[in-house]
Amino acid sequence: MTKVTVSFTLDSDRDRRILRYLESLPRGEKSAAIRQALDLQIGGGSVTLGDVYQAVKDLERKVAERLGGIQGNDAGNDARAPVDEPVDVAANLDSLGL
C-alpha cells in the first residue's frame, strides 16, 4: 500500500468552522475525518444502488409470498387486500413519487 499526501488550502476567515473542527481532533485523526467527509460527498458511506436493488428484490419476494397466500385462500378474499405496512415505510414510499 502506497500512501499519498494531498494538500489543500483553507481560508482562515471563510473556512473558520472547518479549521476549528480539524484543530479539535485528537492527534492522528484528521486524515480519517477528511476521508470520511470526502466519502460522504462522493456517495461512498451512503446507501448504494446495490442496497436499493436488494431491498426491492426482498420486497418483491415478500409481496409475491403474500399474494400467493391470499390467492390460495377462499375465493371471497380480495387479492388486492391491504398488506400490513408500517406507517413510516408507507410514508417513505409515498414520498418517492412513483
PDB file of N, CA and C in Angstrom:
ATOM      1  N   MET A   1       0.844  -1.162   0.000  1.00  0.00           N
ATOM      2  CA  MET A   1       0.000   0.000   0.000  1.00  0.00           C
ATOM      3  C   MET A   1       0.896   1.234   0.000  1.00  0.00           C
ATOM      4  N   THR A   2       0.644   2.108  -0.944  1.00  0.00           N
ATOM      5  CA  THR A   2       1.389   3.346  -1.035  1.00  0.00           C
ATOM      6  C   THR A   2       0.558   4.475  -0.448  1.00  0.00           C
ATOM      7  N   LYS A   3       1.144   5.226   0.424  1.00  0.00           N
ATOM      8  CA  LYS A   3       0.450   6.379   0.990  1.00  0.00           C
ATOM      9  C   LYS A   3       0.705   7.588   0.100  1.00  0.00           C
ATOM     10  N   VAL A   4      -0.345   8.361  -0.109  1.00  0.00           N
ATOM     11  CA  VAL A   4      -0.271   9.560  -0.936  1.00  0.00           C
ATOM     12  C   VAL A   4      -0.667  10.746  -0.069  1.00  0.00           C
ATOM     13  N   THR A   5       0.113  11.795  -0.106  1.00  0.00           N
ATOM     14  CA  THR A   5      -0.206  13.007   0.643  1.00  0.00           C
ATOM     15  C   THR A   5      -0.842  14.005  -0.311  1.00  0.00           C
ATOM     16  N   VAL A   6      -1.995  14.515   0.103  1.00  0.00           N
ATOM     17  CA  VAL A   6      -2.719  15.511  -0.685  1.00  0.00           C
ATOM     18  C   VAL A   6      -2.815  16.777   0.152  1.00  0.00           C
ATOM     19  N   SER A   7      -2.437  17.896  -0.437  1.00  0.00           N
ATOM     20  CA  SER A   7      -2.506  19.168   0.280  1.00  0.00           C
ATOM     21  C   SER A   7      -3.634  20.014  -0.275  1.00  0.00           C
ATOM     22  N   PHE A   8      -4.227  20.818   0.578  1.00  0.00           N
ATOM     23  CA  PHE A   8      -5.214  21.786   0.124  1.00  0.00           C
ATOM     24  C   PHE A   8      -5.157  22.977   1.062  1.00  0.00           C
ATOM     25  N   THR A   9      -5.680  24.084   0.606  1.00  0.00           N
ATOM     26  CA  THR A   9      -5.616  25.297   1.405  1.00  0.00           C
ATOM     27  C   THR A   9      -7.000  25.671   1.919  1.00  0.00           C
ATOM     28  N   LEU A  10      -7.013  26.334   3.052  1.00  0.00           N
ATOM     29  CA  LEU A  10      -8.237  26.837   3.638  1.00  0.00           C
ATOM     30  C   LEU A  10      -8.059  28.323   3.911  1.00  0.00           C
ATOM     31  N   ASP A  11      -9.128  29.058   3.752  1.00  0.00           N
ATOM     32  CA  ASP A  11      -9.121  30.483   4.063  1.00  0.00           C
ATOM     33  C   ASP A  11      -9.449  30.633   5.549  1.00  0.00           C
ATOM     34  N   SER A  12      -8.604  31.339   6.298  1.00  0.00           N
ATOM     35  CA  SER A  12      -8.774  31.423   7.750  1.00  0.00           C
ATOM     36  C   SER A  12     -10.080  32.098   8.155  1.00  0.00           C
ATOM     37  N   ASP A  13     -10.649  32.929   7.301  1.00  0.00           N
ATOM     38  CA  ASP A  13     -11.935  33.559   7.618  1.00  0.00           C
ATOM     39  C   ASP A  13     -13.107  32.719   7.108  1.00  0.00           C
ATOM     40  N   ARG A  14     -13.098  32.435   5.840  1.00  0.00           N
ATOM     41  CA  ARG A  14     -14.216  31.719   5.231  1.00  0.00           C
ATOM     42  C   ARG A  14     -14.345  30.288   5.745  1.00  0.00           C
ATOM     43  N   ASP A  15     -13.248  29.630   6.012  1.00  0.00           N
ATOM     44  CA  ASP A  15     -13.248  28.223   6.422  1.00  0.00           C
ATOM     45  C   ASP A  15     -12.983  28.056   7.921  1.00  0.00           C
ATOM     46  N   ARG A  16     -13.339  29.069   8.701  1.00  0.00           N
ATOM     47  CA  ARG A  16     -13.069  29.063  10.139  1.00  0.00           C
ATOM     48  C   ARG A  16     -13.656  27.823  10.826  1.00  0.00           C
ATOM     49  N   ARG A  17     -14.891  27.439  10.455  1.00  0.00           N
ATOM     50  CA  ARG A  17     -15.531  26.257  11.078  1.00  0.00           C
ATOM     51  C   ARG A  17     -14.735  24.985  10.797  1.00  0.00           C
ATOM     52  N   ILE A  18     -14.272  24.856   9.569  1.00  0.00           N
ATOM     53  CA  ILE A  18     -13.506  23.659   9.198  1.00  0.00           C
ATOM     54  C   ILE A  18     -12.195  23.629   9.968  1.00  0.00           C
ATOM     55  N   LEU A  19     -11.535  24.765  10.036  1.00  0.00           N
ATOM     56  CA  LEU A  19     -10.260  24.830  10.754  1.00  0.00           C
ATOM     57  C   LEU A  19     -10.434  24.484  12.230  1.00  0.00           C
ATOM     58  N   ARG A  20     -11.467  25.048  12.854  1.00  0.00           N
ATOM     59  CA  ARG A  20     -11.714  24.754  14.275  1.00  0.00           C
ATOM     60  C   ARG A  20     -11.980  23.262  14.481  1.00  0.00           C
ATOM     61  N   TYR A  21     -12.777  22.686  13.576  1.00  0.00           N
ATOM     62  CA  TYR A  21     -13.087  21.258  13.696  1.00  0.00           C
ATOM     63  C   TYR A  21     -11.820  20.420  13.585  1.00  0.00           C
ATOM     64  N   LEU A  22     -11.007  20.695  12.567  1.00  0.00           N
ATOM     65  CA  LEU A  22      -9.782  19.920  12.382  1.00  0.00           C
ATOM     66  C   LEU A  22      -8.822  20.088  13.551  1.00  0.00           C
ATOM     67  N   GLU A  23      -8.743  21.297  14.075  1.00  0.00           N
ATOM     68  CA  GLU A  23      -7.863  21.545  15.218  1.00  0.00           C
ATOM     69  C   GLU A  23      -8.371  20.860  16.489  1.00  0.00           C
ATOM     70  N   SER A  24      -9.660  20.597  16.571  1.00  0.00           N
ATOM     71  CA  SER A  24     -10.218  19.967  17.769  1.00  0.00           C
ATOM     72  C   SER A  24     -10.011  18.452  17.793  1.00  0.00           C
ATOM     73  N   LEU A  25      -9.647  17.886  16.660  1.00  0.00           N
ATOM     74  CA  LEU A  25      -9.483  16.436  16.585  1.00  0.00           C
ATOM     75  C   LEU A  25      -8.202  15.988  17.278  1.00  0.00           C
ATOM     76  N   PRO A  26      -8.260  14.816  17.915  1.00  0.00           N
ATOM     77  CA  PRO A  26      -7.041  14.272  18.533  1.00  0.00           C
ATOM     78  C   PRO A  26      -5.975  13.999  17.468  1.00  0.00           C
ATOM     79  N   ARG A  27      -4.752  14.020  17.899  1.00  0.00           N
ATOM     80  CA  ARG A  27      -3.619  13.787  17.002  1.00  0.00           C
ATOM     81  C   ARG A  27      -3.827  12.481  16.228  1.00  0.00           C
ATOM     82  N   GLY A  28      -3.620  12.530  14.944  1.00  0.00           N
ATOM     83  CA  GLY A  28      -3.717  11.340  14.099  1.00  0.00           C
ATOM     84  C   GLY A  28      -5.109  11.055  13.552  1.00  0.00           C
ATOM     85  N   GLU A  29      -6.117  11.872  13.871  1.00  0.00           N
ATOM     86  CA  GLU A  29      -7.475  11.593  13.401  1.00  0.00           C
ATOM     87  C   GLU A  29      -7.948  12.537  12.292  1.00  0.00           C
ATOM     88  N   LYS A  30      -7.131  13.503  11.917  1.00  0.00           N
ATOM     89  CA  LYS A  30      -7.539  14.454  10.878  1.00  0.00           C
ATOM     90  C   LYS A  30      -7.740  13.754   9.533  1.00  0.00           C
ATOM     91  N   SER A  31      -6.812  12.913   9.156  1.00  0.00           N
ATOM     92  CA  SER A  31      -6.913  12.234   7.858  1.00  0.00           C
ATOM     93  C   SER A  31      -8.177  11.383   7.761  1.00  0.00           C
ATOM     94  N   ALA A  32      -8.482  10.659   8.833  1.00  0.00           N
ATOM     95  CA  ALA A  32      -9.688   9.824   8.823  1.00  0.00           C
ATOM     96  C   ALA A  32     -10.940  10.682   8.687  1.00  0.00           C
ATOM     97  N   ALA A  33     -10.976  11.820   9.381  1.00  0.00           N
ATOM     98  CA  ALA A  33     -12.140  12.713   9.310  1.00  0.00           C
ATOM     99  C   ALA A  33     -12.296  13.296   7.907  1.00  0.00           C
ATOM    100  N   ILE A  34     -11.184  13.673   7.302  1.00  0.00           N
ATOM    101  CA  ILE A  34     -11.237  14.232   5.939  1.00  0.00           C
ATOM    102  C   ILE A  34     -11.671  13.155   4.948  1.00  0.00           C
ATOM    103  N   ARG A  35     -11.138  11.942   5.088  1.00  0.00           N
ATOM    104  CA  ARG A  35     -11.545  10.838   4.203  1.00  0.00           C
ATOM    105  C   ARG A  35     -13.038  10.570   4.326  1.00  0.00           C
ATOM    106  N   GLN A  36     -13.544  10.550   5.569  1.00  0.00           N
ATOM    107  CA  GLN A  36     -14.963  10.290   5.792  1.00  0.00           C
ATOM    108  C   GLN A  36     -15.823  11.386   5.150  1.00  0.00           C
ATOM    109  N   ALA A  37     -15.435  12.627   5.304  1.00  0.00           N
ATOM    110  CA  ALA A  37     -16.191  13.735   4.715  1.00  0.00           C
ATOM    111  C   ALA A  37     -16.198  13.643   3.190  1.00  0.00           C
ATOM    112  N   LEU A  38     -15.063  13.316   2.606  1.00  0.00           N
ATOM    113  CA  LEU A  38     -14.991  13.189   1.145  1.00  0.00           C
ATOM    114  C   LEU A  38     -15.799  11.986   0.659  1.00  0.00           C
ATOM    115  N   ASP A  39     -15.740  10.877   1.389  1.00  0.00           N
ATOM    116  CA  ASP A  39     -16.537   9.697   1.029  1.00  0.00           C
ATOM    117  C   ASP A  39     -18.023  10.032   1.023  1.00  0.00           C
ATOM    118  N   LEU A  40     -18.468  10.759   2.041  1.00  0.00           N
ATOM    119  CA  LEU A  40     -19.879  11.150   2.102  1.00  0.00           C
ATOM    120  C   LEU A  40     -20.246  12.060   0.940  1.00  0.00           C
ATOM    121  N   GLN A  41     -19.340  12.953   0.576  1.00  0.00           N
ATOM    122  CA  GLN A  41     -19.603  13.883  -0.521  1.00  0.00           C
ATOM    123  C   GLN A  41     -19.751  13.157  -1.860  1.00  0.00           C
ATOM    124  N   ILE A  42     -18.945  12.137  -2.075  1.00  0.00           N
ATOM    125  CA  ILE A  42     -18.999  11.432  -3.363  1.00  0.00           C
ATOM    126  C   ILE A  42     -19.899  10.200  -3.314  1.00  0.00           C
ATOM    127  N   GLY A  43     -20.537   9.967  -2.184  1.00  0.00           N
ATOM    128  CA  GLY A  43     -21.508   8.882  -2.107  1.00  0.00           C
ATOM    129  C   GLY A  43     -20.980   7.588  -1.568  1.00  0.00           C
ATOM    130  N   GLY A  44     -19.803   7.533  -1.102  1.00  0.00           N
ATOM    131  CA  GLY A  44     -19.234   6.338  -0.518  1.00  0.00           C
ATOM    132  C   GLY A  44     -19.757   6.084   0.850  1.00  0.00           C
ATOM    133  N   GLY A  45     -20.117   5.670   1.693  1.00  0.00           N
ATOM    134  CA  GLY A  45     -20.651   5.602   3.013  1.00  0.00           C
ATOM    135  C   GLY A  45     -22.156   5.772   3.100  1.00  0.00           C
ATOM    136  N   SER A  46     -22.793   5.892   1.938  1.00  0.00           N
ATOM    137  CA  SER A  46     -24.243   6.036   1.976  1.00  0.00           C
ATOM    138  C   SER A  46     -24.880   4.799   1.349  1.00  0.00           C
ATOM    139  N   VAL A  47     -26.154   4.840   1.165  1.00  0.00           N
ATOM    140  CA  VAL A  47     -26.865   3.720   0.561  1.00  0.00           C
ATOM    141  C   VAL A  47     -26.446   3.601  -0.899  1.00  0.00           C
ATOM    142  N   THR A  48     -26.107   2.410  -1.306  1.00  0.00           N
ATOM    143  CA  THR A  48     -25.673   2.188  -2.679  1.00  0.00           C
ATOM    144  C   THR A  48     -26.843   1.707  -3.536  1.00  0.00           C
ATOM    145  N   LEU A  49     -26.667   1.761  -4.833  1.00  0.00           N
ATOM    146  CA  LEU A  49     -27.671   1.249  -5.757  1.00  0.00           C
ATOM    147  C   LEU A  49     -27.886  -0.243  -5.516  1.00  0.00           C
ATOM    148  N   GLY A  50     -26.827  -0.942  -5.162  1.00  0.00           N
ATOM    149  CA  GLY A  50     -26.948  -2.363  -4.828  1.00  0.00           C
ATOM    150  C   GLY A  50     -27.833  -2.595  -3.610  1.00  0.00           C
ATOM    151  N   ASP A  51     -27.713  -1.703  -2.610  1.00  0.00           N
ATOM    152  CA  ASP A  51     -28.562  -1.803  -1.421  1.00  0.00           C
ATOM    153  C   ASP A  51     -30.027  -1.619  -1.800  1.00  0.00           C
ATOM    154  N   VAL A  52     -30.292  -0.623  -2.642  1.00  0.00           N
ATOM    155  CA  VAL A  52     -31.668  -0.345  -3.080  1.00  0.00           C
ATOM    156  C   VAL A  52     -32.208  -1.529  -3.872  1.00  0.00           C
ATOM    157  N   TYR A  53     -31.404  -2.047  -4.789  1.00  0.00           N
ATOM    158  CA  TYR A  53     -31.822  -3.191  -5.605  1.00  0.00           C
ATOM    159  C   TYR A  53     -32.165  -4.387  -4.717  1.00  0.00           C
ATOM    160  N   GLN A  54     -31.326  -4.663  -3.726  1.00  0.00           N
ATOM    161  CA  GLN A  54     -31.576  -5.797  -2.838  1.00  0.00           C
ATOM    162  C   GLN A  54     -32.866  -5.596  -2.056  1.00  0.00           C
ATOM    163  N   ALA A  55     -33.115  -4.354  -1.600  1.00  0.00           N
ATOM    164  CA  ALA A  55     -34.345  -4.058  -0.861  1.00  0.00           C
ATOM    165  C   ALA A  55     -35.570  -4.257  -1.749  1.00  0.00           C
ATOM    166  N   VAL A  56     -35.480  -3.842  -3.001  1.00  0.00           N
ATOM    167  CA  VAL A  56     -36.593  -4.018  -3.937  1.00  0.00           C
ATOM    168  C   VAL A  56     -36.844  -5.506  -4.188  1.00  0.00           C
ATOM    169  N   LYS A  57     -35.785  -6.268  -4.384  1.00  0.00           N
ATOM    170  CA  LYS A  57     -35.945  -7.711  -4.612  1.00  0.00           C
ATOM    171  C   LYS A  57     -36.554  -8.391  -3.389  1.00  0.00           C
ATOM    172  N   ASP A  58     -36.135  -7.990  -2.185  1.00  0.00           N
ATOM    173  CA  ASP A  58     -36.722  -8.547  -0.960  1.00  0.00           C
ATOM    174  C   ASP A  58     -38.202  -8.209  -0.873  1.00  0.00           C
ATOM    175  N   LEU A  59     -38.544  -6.976  -1.212  1.00  0.00           N
ATOM    176  CA  LEU A  59     -39.939  -6.547  -1.186  1.00  0.00           C
ATOM    177  C   LEU A  59     -40.764  -7.318  -2.213  1.00  0.00           C
ATOM    178  N   GLU A  60     -40.222  -7.504  -3.414  1.00  0.00           N
ATOM    179  CA  GLU A  60     -40.928  -8.285  -4.440  1.00  0.00           C
ATOM    180  C   GLU A  60     -41.210  -9.699  -3.942  1.00  0.00           C
ATOM    181  N   ARG A  61     -40.221 -10.307  -3.294  1.00  0.00           N
ATOM    182  CA  ARG A  61     -40.386 -11.668  -2.776  1.00  0.00           C
ATOM    183  C   ARG A  61     -41.488 -11.709  -1.723  1.00  0.00           C
ATOM    184  N   LYS A  62     -41.474 -10.734  -0.813  1.00  0.00           N
ATOM    185  CA  LYS A  62     -42.481 -10.699   0.241  1.00  0.00           C
ATOM    186  C   LYS A  62     -43.880 -10.478  -0.323  1.00  0.00           C
ATOM    187  N   VAL A  63     -43.995  -9.606  -1.319  1.00  0.00           N
ATOM    188  CA  VAL A  63     -45.298  -9.346  -1.944  1.00  0.00           C
ATOM    189  C   VAL A  63     -45.784 -10.602  -2.649  1.00  0.00           C
ATOM    190  N   ALA A  64     -44.898 -11.274  -3.379  1.00  0.00           N
ATOM    191  CA  ALA A  64     -45.281 -12.498  -4.080  1.00  0.00           C
ATOM    192  C   ALA A  64     -45.741 -13.564  -3.088  1.00  0.00           C
ATOM    193  N   GLU A  65     -45.033 -13.694  -1.966  1.00  0.00           N
ATOM    194  CA  GLU A  65     -45.440 -14.665  -0.950  1.00  0.00           C
ATOM    195  C   GLU A  65     -46.810 -14.306  -0.379  1.00  0.00           C
ATOM    196  N   ARG A  66     -47.011 -13.039  -0.122  1.00  0.00           N
ATOM    197  CA  ARG A  66     -48.275 -12.569   0.460  1.00  0.00           C
ATOM    198  C   ARG A  66     -49.426 -12.780  -0.527  1.00  0.00           C
ATOM    199  N   LEU A  67     -49.215 -12.422  -1.781  1.00  0.00           N
ATOM    200  CA  LEU A  67     -50.268 -12.596  -2.789  1.00  0.00           C
ATOM    201  C   LEU A  67     -50.553 -14.071  -3.032  1.00  0.00           C
ATOM    202  N   GLY A  68     -49.531 -14.881  -3.004  1.00  0.00           N
ATOM    203  CA  GLY A  68     -49.728 -16.317  -3.178  1.00  0.00           C
ATOM    204  C   GLY A  68     -50.590 -16.884  -2.075  1.00  0.00           C
ATOM    205  N   GLY A  69     -50.389 -16.429  -0.841  1.00  0.00           N
ATOM    206  CA  GLY A  69     -51.192 -16.886   0.291  1.00  0.00           C
ATOM    207  C   GLY A  69     -52.622 -16.404   0.201  1.00  0.00           C
ATOM    208  N   ILE A  70     -52.818 -15.174  -0.270  1.00  0.00           N
ATOM    209  CA  ILE A  70     -54.171 -14.617  -0.387  1.00  0.00           C
ATOM    210  C   ILE A  70     -54.920 -15.328  -1.497  1.00  0.00           C
ATOM    211  N   GLN A  71     -54.274 -15.543  -2.640  1.00  0.00           N
ATOM    212  CA  GLN A  71     -54.937 -16.173  -3.774  1.00  0.00           C
ATOM    213  C   GLN A  71     -55.242 -17.632  -3.492  1.00  0.00           C
ATOM    214  N   GLY A  72     -54.444 -18.253  -2.612  1.00  0.00           N
ATOM    215  CA  GLY A  72     -54.672 -19.655  -2.298  1.00  0.00           C
ATOM    216  C   GLY A  72     -55.812 -19.860  -1.311  1.00  0.00           C
ATOM    217  N   ASN A  73     -56.318 -18.794  -0.689  1.00  0.00           N
ATOM    218  CA  ASN A  73     -57.412 -18.906   0.281  1.00  0.00           C
ATOM    219  C   ASN A  73     -58.749 -18.930  -0.429  1.00  0.00           C
ATOM    220  N   ASP A  74     -59.825 -18.713   0.323  1.00  0.00           N
ATOM    221  CA  ASP A  74     -61.181 -18.707  -0.230  1.00  0.00           C
ATOM    222  C   ASP A  74     -61.293 -17.750  -1.407  1.00  0.00           C
ATOM    223  N   ALA A  75     -62.180 -18.039  -2.320  1.00  0.00           N
ATOM    224  CA  ALA A  75     -62.403 -17.177  -3.481  1.00  0.00           C
ATOM    225  C   ALA A  75     -62.954 -15.825  -3.065  1.00  0.00           C
ATOM    226  N   GLY A  76     -63.545 -15.736  -1.857  1.00  0.00           N
ATOM    227  CA  GLY A  76     -64.111 -14.483  -1.394  1.00  0.00           C
ATOM    228  C   GLY A  76     -63.060 -13.469  -0.976  1.00  0.00           C
ATOM    229  N   ASN A  77     -61.842 -13.897  -0.792  1.00  0.00           N
ATOM    230  CA  ASN A  77     -60.789 -12.963  -0.402  1.00  0.00           C
ATOM    231  C   ASN A  77     -60.332 -12.154  -1.602  1.00  0.00           C
ATOM    232  N   ASP A  78     -60.099 -10.881  -1.380  1.00  0.00           N
ATOM    233  CA  ASP A  78     -59.649  -9.992  -2.441  1.00  0.00           C
ATOM    234  C   ASP A  78     -58.128 -10.013  -2.491  1.00  0.00           C
ATOM    235  N   ALA A  79     -57.538 -10.350  -3.632  1.00  0.00           N
ATOM    236  CA  ALA A  79     -56.086 -10.399  -3.784  1.00  0.00           C
ATOM    237  C   ALA A  79     -55.479  -9.013  -3.628  1.00  0.00           C
ATOM    238  N   ARG A  80     -56.298  -7.975  -3.698  1.00  0.00           N
ATOM    239  CA  ARG A  80     -55.794  -6.616  -3.536  1.00  0.00           C
ATOM    240  C   ARG A  80     -55.960  -6.118  -2.105  1.00  0.00           C
ATOM    241  N   ALA A  81     -56.207  -7.024  -1.186  1.00  0.00           N
ATOM    242  CA  ALA A  81     -56.385  -6.639   0.219  1.00  0.00           C
ATOM    243  C   ALA A  81     -55.123  -5.943   0.708  1.00  0.00           C
ATOM    244  N   PRO A  82     -55.279  -4.932   1.549  1.00  0.00           N
ATOM    245  CA  PRO A  82     -54.096  -4.198   2.012  1.00  0.00           C
ATOM    246  C   PRO A  82     -53.165  -5.086   2.825  1.00  0.00           C
ATOM    247  N   VAL A  83     -51.886  -4.866   2.636  1.00  0.00           N
ATOM    248  CA  VAL A  83     -50.861  -5.579   3.376  1.00  0.00           C
ATOM    249  C   VAL A  83     -50.489  -4.706   4.565  1.00  0.00           C
ATOM    250  N   ASP A  84     -50.312  -5.322   5.733  1.00  0.00           N
ATOM    251  CA  ASP A  84     -49.885  -4.542   6.894  1.00  0.00           C
ATOM    252  C   ASP A  84     -48.525  -3.942   6.587  1.00  0.00           C
ATOM    253  N   GLU A  85     -48.490  -2.618   6.540  1.00  0.00           N
ATOM    254  CA  GLU A  85     -47.279  -1.907   6.161  1.00  0.00           C
ATOM    255  C   GLU A  85     -47.004  -0.848   7.221  1.00  0.00           C
ATOM    256  N   PRO A  86     -45.813  -0.812   7.781  1.00  0.00           N
ATOM    257  CA  PRO A  86     -45.510   0.202   8.786  1.00  0.00           C
ATOM    258  C   PRO A  86     -45.752   1.607   8.230  1.00  0.00           C
ATOM    259  N   VAL A  87     -46.277   2.480   9.062  1.00  0.00           N
ATOM    260  CA  VAL A  87     -46.630   3.828   8.640  1.00  0.00           C
ATOM    261  C   VAL A  87     -45.422   4.571   8.078  1.00  0.00           C
ATOM    262  N   ASP A  88     -44.249   4.440   8.722  1.00  0.00           N
ATOM    263  CA  ASP A  88     -43.076   5.164   8.243  1.00  0.00           C
ATOM    264  C   ASP A  88     -42.616   4.655   6.883  1.00  0.00           C
ATOM    265  N   VAL A  89     -42.746   3.352   6.653  1.00  0.00           N
ATOM    266  CA  VAL A  89     -42.377   2.789   5.354  1.00  0.00           C
ATOM    267  C   VAL A  89     -43.335   3.294   4.283  1.00  0.00           C
ATOM    268  N   ALA A  90     -44.613   3.307   4.587  1.00  0.00           N
ATOM    269  CA  ALA A  90     -45.607   3.799   3.626  1.00  0.00           C
ATOM    270  C   ALA A  90     -45.344   5.266   3.283  1.00  0.00           C
ATOM    271  N   ALA A  91     -45.018   6.067   4.281  1.00  0.00           N
ATOM    272  CA  ALA A  91     -44.737   7.493   4.035  1.00  0.00           C
ATOM    273  C   ALA A  91     -43.501   7.663   3.171  1.00  0.00           C
ATOM    274  N   ASN A  92     -42.458   6.860   3.424  1.00  0.00           N
ATOM    275  CA  ASN A  92     -41.236   6.949   2.617  1.00  0.00           C
ATOM    276  C   ASN A  92     -41.512   6.531   1.171  1.00  0.00           C
ATOM    277  N   LEU A  93     -42.301   5.481   0.998  1.00  0.00           N
ATOM    278  CA  LEU A  93     -42.621   5.049  -0.361  1.00  0.00           C
ATOM    279  C   LEU A  93     -43.456   6.085  -1.083  1.00  0.00           C
ATOM    280  N   ASP A  94     -44.429   6.677  -0.377  1.00  0.00           N
ATOM    281  CA  ASP A  94     -45.267   7.708  -0.984  1.00  0.00           C
ATOM    282  C   ASP A  94     -44.439   8.919  -1.404  1.00  0.00           C
ATOM    283  N   SER A  95     -43.414   9.246  -0.637  1.00  0.00           N
ATOM    284  CA  SER A  95     -42.612  10.423  -0.949  1.00  0.00           C
ATOM    285  C   SER A  95     -41.727  10.224  -2.171  1.00  0.00           C
ATOM    286  N   LEU A  96     -41.568   8.992  -2.628  1.00  0.00           N
ATOM    287  CA  LEU A  96     -40.759   8.728  -3.821  1.00  0.00           C
ATOM    288  C   LEU A  96     -41.444   9.225  -5.092  1.00  0.00           C
ATOM    289  N   GLY A  97     -42.767   9.367  -5.048  1.00  0.00           N
ATOM    290  CA  GLY A  97     -43.495   9.891  -6.190  1.00  0.00           C
ATOM    291  C   GLY A  97     -43.546   8.942  -7.382  1.00  0.00           C
ATOM    292  N   LEU A  98     -43.485   7.666  -7.131  1.00  0.00           N
ATOM    293  CA  LEU A  98     -43.513   6.688  -8.229  1.00  0.00           C
ATOM    294  C   LEU A  98     -44.916   6.393  -8.651  1.00  0.00           C
TER     295      LEU A  98
END
